[in-house]
Amino acid sequence: MPEELQVDKTVDLKGEVCPFPWVKAKKVLAKMEVGQIL
């Protein structure tokens, strides 16, 4: 049985137009630690 993943952060990018989804996700990723799940 696969283990369940625990999400550490979520980002709602619905309705965003390029390149903003990438920029916003990159900002959140920069604040996260190695091994955390976005």
PDB file of N, CA and C in Angstrom:
ATOM      1  N   MET A   1       0.849  -1.178   0.000  1.00  0.00           N
ATOM      2  CA  MET A   1       0.000   0.000   0.000  1.00  0.00           C
ATOM      3  C   MET A   1       0.896   1.243   0.000  1.00  0.00           C
ATOM      4  N   PRO A   2       0.681   2.152  -0.948  1.00  0.00           N
ATOM      5  CA  PRO A   2       1.516   3.358  -0.997  1.00  0.00           C
ATOM      6  C   PRO A   2       1.266   4.245   0.223  1.00  0.00           C
ATOM      7  N   GLU A   3       2.340   4.863   0.700  1.00  0.00           N
ATOM      8  CA  GLU A   3       2.167   5.758   1.844  1.00  0.00           C
ATOM      9  C   GLU A   3       1.514   7.056   1.395  1.00  0.00           C
ATOM     10  N   GLU A   4       0.761   7.659   2.292  1.00  0.00           N
ATOM     11  CA  GLU A   4       0.071   8.902   1.982  1.00  0.00           C
ATOM     12  C   GLU A   4       1.044  10.070   2.152  1.00  0.00           C
ATOM     13  N   LEU A   5       1.058  10.972   1.201  1.00  0.00           N
ATOM     14  CA  LEU A   5       1.939  12.137   1.273  1.00  0.00           C
ATOM     15  C   LEU A   5       1.257  13.257   2.043  1.00  0.00           C
ATOM     16  N   GLN A   6       2.039  13.974   2.831  1.00  0.00           N
ATOM     17  CA  GLN A   6       1.518  15.122   3.560  1.00  0.00           C
ATOM     18  C   GLN A   6       2.013  16.379   2.848  1.00  0.00           C
ATOM     19  N   VAL A   7       1.088  17.179   2.377  1.00  0.00           N
ATOM     20  CA  VAL A   7       1.426  18.406   1.664  1.00  0.00           C
ATOM     21  C   VAL A   7       1.791  19.477   2.689  1.00  0.00           C
ATOM     22  N   ASP A   8       2.926  20.142   2.467  1.00  0.00           N
ATOM     23  CA  ASP A   8       3.388  21.174   3.391  1.00  0.00           C
ATOM     24  C   ASP A   8       2.865  22.560   3.023  1.00  0.00           C
ATOM     25  N   LYS A   9       2.758  22.843   1.745  1.00  0.00           N
ATOM     26  CA  LYS A   9       2.283  24.152   1.268  1.00  0.00           C
ATOM     27  C   LYS A   9       1.396  23.949   0.049  1.00  0.00           C
ATOM     28  N   THR A  10       0.440  24.834  -0.131  1.00  0.00           N
ATOM     29  CA  THR A  10      -0.373  24.833  -1.346  1.00  0.00           C
ATOM     30  C   THR A  10      -0.386  26.247  -1.917  1.00  0.00           C
ATOM     31  N   VAL A  11      -0.529  26.333  -3.222  1.00  0.00           N
ATOM     32  CA  VAL A  11      -0.588  27.624  -3.901  1.00  0.00           C
ATOM     33  C   VAL A  11      -1.729  27.552  -4.910  1.00  0.00           C
ATOM     34  N   ASP A  12      -2.685  28.455  -4.797  1.00  0.00           N
ATOM     35  CA  ASP A  12      -3.801  28.495  -5.740  1.00  0.00           C
ATOM     36  C   ASP A  12      -3.411  29.398  -6.908  1.00  0.00           C
ATOM     37  N   LEU A  13      -3.206  28.798  -8.066  1.00  0.00           N
ATOM     38  CA  LEU A  13      -2.786  29.548  -9.249  1.00  0.00           C
ATOM     39  C   LEU A  13      -3.872  29.574 -10.317  1.00  0.00           C
ATOM     40  N   LYS A  14      -5.095  29.219  -9.935  1.00  0.00           N
ATOM     41  CA  LYS A  14      -6.196  29.223 -10.906  1.00  0.00           C
ATOM     42  C   LYS A  14      -6.412  30.632 -11.448  1.00  0.00           C
ATOM     43  N   GLY A  15      -6.569  30.731 -12.743  1.00  0.00           N
ATOM     44  CA  GLY A  15      -6.851  32.012 -13.378  1.00  0.00           C
ATOM     45  C   GLY A  15      -5.624  32.878 -13.625  1.00  0.00           C
ATOM     46  N   GLU A  16      -4.474  32.431 -13.177  1.00  0.00           N
ATOM     47  CA  GLU A  16      -3.248  33.203 -13.399  1.00  0.00           C
ATOM     48  C   GLU A  16      -2.757  33.000 -14.831  1.00  0.00           C
ATOM     49  N   VAL A  17      -2.151  34.028 -15.382  1.00  0.00           N
ATOM     50  CA  VAL A  17      -1.647  33.995 -16.754  1.00  0.00           C
ATOM     51  C   VAL A  17      -0.120  33.978 -16.710  1.00  0.00           C
ATOM     52  N   CYS A  18       0.484  33.207 -17.624  1.00  0.00           N
ATOM     53  CA  CYS A  18       1.949  33.137 -17.710  1.00  0.00           C
ATOM     54  C   CYS A  18       2.548  34.529 -17.800  1.00  0.00           C
ATOM     55  N   PRO A  19       3.606  34.746 -17.112  1.00  0.00           N
ATOM     56  CA  PRO A  19       4.465  33.840 -16.349  1.00  0.00           C
ATOM     57  C   PRO A  19       4.160  33.827 -14.853  1.00  0.00           C
ATOM     58  N   PHE A  20       3.038  34.390 -14.418  1.00  0.00           N
ATOM     59  CA  PHE A  20       2.772  34.539 -12.989  1.00  0.00           C
ATOM     60  C   PHE A  20       2.665  33.227 -12.212  1.00  0.00           C
ATOM     61  N   PRO A  21       2.107  32.145 -12.756  1.00  0.00           N
ATOM     62  CA  PRO A  21       2.105  30.896 -11.986  1.00  0.00           C
ATOM     63  C   PRO A  21       3.524  30.436 -11.642  1.00  0.00           C
ATOM     64  N   TRP A  22       4.424  30.560 -12.587  1.00  0.00           N
ATOM     65  CA  TRP A  22       5.809  30.157 -12.361  1.00  0.00           C
ATOM     66  C   TRP A  22       6.462  31.059 -11.308  1.00  0.00           C
ATOM     67  N   VAL A  23       6.246  32.363 -11.415  1.00  0.00           N
ATOM     68  CA  VAL A  23       6.854  33.321 -10.485  1.00  0.00           C
ATOM     69  C   VAL A  23       6.334  33.090  -9.069  1.00  0.00           C
ATOM     70  N   LYS A  24       5.034  32.933  -8.919  1.00  0.00           N
ATOM     71  CA  LYS A  24       4.450  32.742  -7.588  1.00  0.00           C
ATOM     72  C   LYS A  24       4.883  31.415  -6.976  1.00  0.00           C
ATOM     73  N   ALA A  25       4.927  30.367  -7.775  1.00  0.00           N
ATOM     74  CA  ALA A  25       5.370  29.066  -7.272  1.00  0.00           C
ATOM     75  C   ALA A  25       6.839  29.132  -6.861  1.00  0.00           C
ATOM     76  N   LYS A  26       7.651  29.820  -7.641  1.00  0.00           N
ATOM     77  CA  LYS A  26       9.082  29.946  -7.335  1.00  0.00           C
ATOM     78  C   LYS A  26       9.292  30.676  -6.006  1.00  0.00           C
ATOM     79  N   LYS A  27       8.486  31.701  -5.730  1.00  0.00           N
ATOM     80  CA  LYS A  27       8.602  32.433  -4.465  1.00  0.00           C
ATOM     81  C   LYS A  27       8.290  31.534  -3.273  1.00  0.00           C
ATOM     82  N   VAL A  28       7.251  30.719  -3.410  1.00  0.00           N
ATOM     83  CA  VAL A  28       6.890  29.801  -2.326  1.00  0.00           C
ATOM     84  C   VAL A  28       7.973  28.741  -2.159  1.00  0.00           C
ATOM     85  N   LEU A  29       8.457  28.193  -3.267  1.00  0.00           N
ATOM     86  CA  LEU A  29       9.500  27.169  -3.209  1.00  0.00           C
ATOM     87  C   LEU A  29      10.773  27.699  -2.541  1.00  0.00           C
ATOM     88  N   ALA A  30      11.083  28.961  -2.752  1.00  0.00           N
ATOM     89  CA  ALA A  30      12.292  29.549  -2.169  1.00  0.00           C
ATOM     90  C   ALA A  30      12.228  29.566  -0.641  1.00  0.00           C
ATOM     91  N   LYS A  31      11.028  29.609  -0.079  1.00  0.00           N
ATOM     92  CA  LYS A  31      10.852  29.653   1.374  1.00  0.00           C
ATOM     93  C   LYS A  31      10.732  28.260   1.992  1.00  0.00           C
ATOM     94  N   MET A  32      10.624  27.243   1.151  1.00  0.00           N
ATOM     95  CA  MET A  32      10.445  25.880   1.646  1.00  0.00           C
ATOM     96  C   MET A  32      11.789  25.198   1.866  1.00  0.00           C
ATOM     97  N   GLU A  33      11.782  24.198   2.736  1.00  0.00           N
ATOM     98  CA  GLU A  33      12.992  23.432   3.001  1.00  0.00           C
ATOM     99  C   GLU A  33      13.035  22.206   2.097  1.00  0.00           C
ATOM    100  N   VAL A  34      14.224  21.672   1.906  1.00  0.00           N
ATOM    101  CA  VAL A  34      14.406  20.471   1.098  1.00  0.00           C
ATOM    102  C   VAL A  34      13.560  19.344   1.690  1.00  0.00           C
ATOM    103  N   GLY A  35      12.835  18.648   0.823  1.00  0.00           N
ATOM    104  CA  GLY A  35      12.016  17.524   1.259  1.00  0.00           C
ATOM    105  C   GLY A  35      10.560  17.871   1.494  1.00  0.00           C
ATOM    106  N   GLN A  36      10.240  19.169   1.577  1.00  0.00           N
ATOM    107  CA  GLN A  36       8.848  19.558   1.742  1.00  0.00           C
ATOM    108  C   GLN A  36       8.124  19.399   0.413  1.00  0.00           C
ATOM    109  N   ILE A  37       6.797  19.250   0.494  1.00  0.00           N
ATOM    110  CA  ILE A  37       5.984  19.020  -0.695  1.00  0.00           C
ATOM    111  C   ILE A  37       5.091  20.218  -0.942  1.00  0.00           C
ATOM    112  N   LEU A  38       5.144  20.720  -2.181  1.00  0.00           N
ATOM    113  CA  LEU A  38       4.304  21.838  -2.602  1.00  0.00           C
ATOM    114  C   LEU A  38       3.104  21.273  -3.307  1.00  0.00           C
TER     115      LEU A  38
END
